[in-house]
Amino acid sequence: MRIAVAGEAPCDLAPVRRVIRAALRPLRLPRESEVALAFVDDAQMRELNRRHRRIDRTTDVLSFGQRLPRGVRGARARPHLDEDPDGVLRLGDILISPAQARRQAKRRRRPLESEVAFLAAHGALHLVGYEDETPAGYREMLRLGHDATRQNSVKP
């Protein structure tokens, strides 16, 4: 899986890339899959959050991917993900606010690299249909995100 990066990364991206791959591994995606990971400032994140979610404040991570049928997630999402004509499966974009990640890492007393890796996994899970709008969905995403970070020796 290719992970294209834009913006200024706030930490080493090797563990972040491993965690994204771990979060998506159960889908058995083709080698020619791609995710875009972008780092944006709080102002950009706030504008995107306002425009797409109608929430006028910054957030830590946003994901923009292919539209999936309601309730379809994880391995069941794979048949609904379309490859481009060039044969590449572009899952979508994960946007992270480094400033928000820093604030959260400090509050949670964990390394910034761990926070960014967890947020990247969380964003990747959104790209394959997982949602955190319900308490059960939130708990599932937390568990899957922590599992992906633990598998890669990143402190959850």
Protein backbone atom coordinates (compact mmCIF):
# COMPACT_ATOMS: atom_id res chain seq x y z
CA MET A 1 0.00 0.00 0.00
CA ARG A 2 1.26 3.42 -0.92
CA ILE A 3 0.79 6.25 1.57
CA ALA A 4 1.28 9.66 -0.02
CA VAL A 5 2.07 12.44 2.45
CA ALA A 6 1.40 16.18 2.14
CA GLY A 7 2.14 18.94 4.61
CA GLU A 8 4.63 19.10 7.42
CA ALA A 9 4.66 15.92 9.50
CA PRO A 10 5.07 16.59 13.23
CA CYS A 11 6.93 13.33 13.89
CA ASP A 12 8.61 10.32 12.33
CA LEU A 13 6.14 8.79 9.86
CA ALA A 14 7.51 5.23 9.74
CA PRO A 15 5.39 4.03 12.69
CA VAL A 16 2.40 6.04 11.43
CA ARG A 17 2.60 4.26 8.05
CA ARG A 18 2.85 0.86 9.77
CA VAL A 19 -0.22 1.60 11.89
CA ILE A 20 -2.29 2.66 8.86
CA ARG A 21 -1.34 -0.58 7.11
CA ALA A 22 -2.16 -2.60 10.25
CA ALA A 23 -5.58 -0.97 10.58
CA LEU A 24 -6.39 -1.86 6.96
CA ARG A 25 -4.73 -5.30 6.85
CA PRO A 26 -7.95 -7.28 7.55
CA LEU A 27 -9.37 -6.00 4.24
CA ARG A 28 -6.62 -7.72 2.24
CA LEU A 29 -6.43 -4.77 -0.11
CA PRO A 30 -4.53 -5.07 -3.38
CA ARG A 31 -0.89 -4.02 -3.36
CA GLU A 32 -1.86 -1.16 -5.69
CA SER A 33 -3.89 0.57 -2.97
CA GLU A 34 -3.27 4.13 -1.93
CA VAL A 35 -4.09 6.42 0.98
CA ALA A 36 -3.30 10.13 1.12
CA LEU A 37 -2.18 11.48 4.51
CA ALA A 38 -2.14 15.26 4.88
CA PHE A 39 -1.15 17.48 7.77
CA VAL A 40 -3.10 20.74 7.94
CA ASP A 41 -3.22 23.64 10.37
CA ASP A 42 -6.06 24.28 12.80
CA ALA A 43 -7.65 26.98 10.63
CA GLN A 44 -7.87 24.64 7.63
CA MET A 45 -9.16 21.81 9.80
CA ARG A 46 -11.79 24.05 11.35
CA GLU A 47 -12.98 25.18 7.92
CA LEU A 48 -13.17 21.60 6.63
CA ASN A 49 -14.99 20.48 9.78
CA ARG A 50 -17.45 23.35 9.42
CA ARG A 51 -18.03 22.73 5.72
CA HIS A 52 -18.37 18.95 5.82
CA ARG A 53 -19.69 18.23 9.30
CA ARG A 54 -21.29 21.58 10.19
CA ILE A 55 -19.18 21.75 13.36
CA ASP A 56 -17.45 25.11 13.67
CA ARG A 57 -14.30 24.12 15.56
CA THR A 58 -11.06 22.37 14.81
CA THR A 59 -10.78 18.63 15.16
CA ASP A 60 -7.95 16.12 15.26
CA VAL A 61 -8.63 13.98 12.19
CA LEU A 62 -10.98 13.98 9.20
CA SER A 63 -11.29 11.38 6.47
CA PHE A 64 -12.68 11.68 2.97
CA GLY A 65 -13.15 8.47 1.03
CA GLN A 66 -15.43 6.57 -1.25
CA ARG A 67 -19.12 6.50 -0.39
CA LEU A 68 -20.09 3.16 1.09
CA PRO A 69 -23.55 1.73 1.76
CA ARG A 70 -24.79 2.47 5.26
CA GLY A 71 -23.64 -0.12 7.81
CA VAL A 72 -20.98 -1.63 5.54
CA ARG A 73 -17.56 -1.59 7.16
CA GLY A 74 -14.28 -3.41 7.39
CA ALA A 75 -13.84 -6.51 5.25
CA ARG A 76 -17.45 -6.20 4.06
CA ALA A 77 -16.55 -2.82 2.53
CA ARG A 78 -13.94 -4.25 0.15
CA PRO A 79 -16.41 -5.28 -2.63
CA HIS A 80 -17.85 -1.75 -2.56
CA LEU A 81 -14.49 0.01 -3.04
CA ASP A 82 -13.88 0.92 -6.67
CA GLU A 83 -10.49 0.89 -8.31
CA ASP A 84 -9.60 3.71 -10.70
CA PRO A 85 -9.26 2.92 -14.41
CA ASP A 86 -5.49 2.66 -13.88
CA GLY A 87 -6.07 -0.25 -11.47
CA VAL A 88 -5.21 1.68 -8.30
CA LEU A 89 -7.57 1.47 -5.35
CA ARG A 90 -7.51 4.98 -3.90
CA LEU A 91 -9.14 4.74 -0.50
CA GLY A 92 -9.15 8.47 0.15
CA ASP A 93 -7.62 11.16 2.31
CA ILE A 94 -6.78 11.30 6.00
CA LEU A 95 -6.22 14.83 7.33
CA ILE A 96 -4.60 15.41 10.70
CA SER A 97 -4.10 18.63 12.64
CA PRO A 98 -0.61 18.46 14.21
CA ALA A 99 -1.52 21.25 16.64
CA GLN A 100 -4.58 19.37 17.89
CA ALA A 101 -2.58 16.13 18.03
CA ARG A 102 0.05 17.90 20.19
CA ARG A 103 -2.62 19.18 22.59
CA GLN A 104 -4.18 15.73 22.88
CA ALA A 105 -0.83 13.98 23.32
CA LYS A 106 0.05 16.36 26.14
CA ARG A 107 -3.35 15.90 27.81
CA ARG A 108 -3.15 12.09 27.45
CA ARG A 109 0.51 12.06 28.54
CA ARG A 110 1.74 10.08 25.58
CA PRO A 111 4.29 10.74 22.85
CA LEU A 112 3.18 12.85 19.88
CA GLU A 113 4.17 9.99 17.55
CA SER A 114 1.72 7.69 19.35
CA GLU A 115 -1.11 10.21 19.09
CA VAL A 116 -0.51 10.83 15.38
CA ALA A 117 -0.32 7.07 14.70
CA PHE A 118 -3.58 6.48 16.55
CA LEU A 119 -5.29 9.33 14.67
CA ALA A 120 -4.02 7.97 11.36
CA ALA A 121 -5.43 4.52 12.19
CA HIS A 122 -8.71 6.14 13.20
CA GLY A 123 -8.85 8.01 9.90
CA ALA A 124 -8.03 4.86 7.93
CA LEU A 125 -10.86 3.00 9.67
CA HIS A 126 -13.28 5.75 8.64
CA LEU A 127 -12.19 5.23 5.02
CA VAL A 128 -13.46 1.65 5.17
CA GLY A 129 -16.82 2.42 6.72
CA TYR A 130 -16.25 2.45 10.47
CA GLU A 131 -18.12 5.19 12.29
CA ASP A 132 -17.95 6.61 15.78
CA GLU A 133 -21.32 8.33 15.91
CA THR A 134 -22.77 5.79 18.36
CA PRO A 135 -21.27 4.64 21.68
CA ALA A 136 -20.81 1.11 20.29
CA GLY A 137 -19.17 2.43 17.10
CA TYR A 138 -16.91 4.69 19.13
CA ARG A 139 -15.79 1.80 21.35
CA GLU A 140 -15.17 -0.40 18.31
CA MET A 141 -13.04 2.25 16.62
CA LEU A 142 -11.06 2.85 19.83
CA ARG A 143 -10.36 -0.87 20.14
CA LEU A 144 -9.35 -1.25 16.49
CA GLY A 145 -7.16 1.86 16.61
CA HIS A 146 -5.43 0.71 19.79
CA ASP A 147 -4.99 -2.80 18.32
CA ALA A 148 -3.26 -1.33 15.24
CA THR A 149 -0.92 0.78 17.36
CA ARG A 150 -0.08 -2.11 19.72
CA GLN A 151 0.67 -4.44 16.79
CA ASN A 152 3.35 -1.99 15.74
CA SER A 153 4.90 -1.30 19.13
CA VAL A 154 3.47 2.19 19.27
CA LYS A 155 2.26 3.07 22.76
CA PRO A 156 -1.56 3.42 22.54
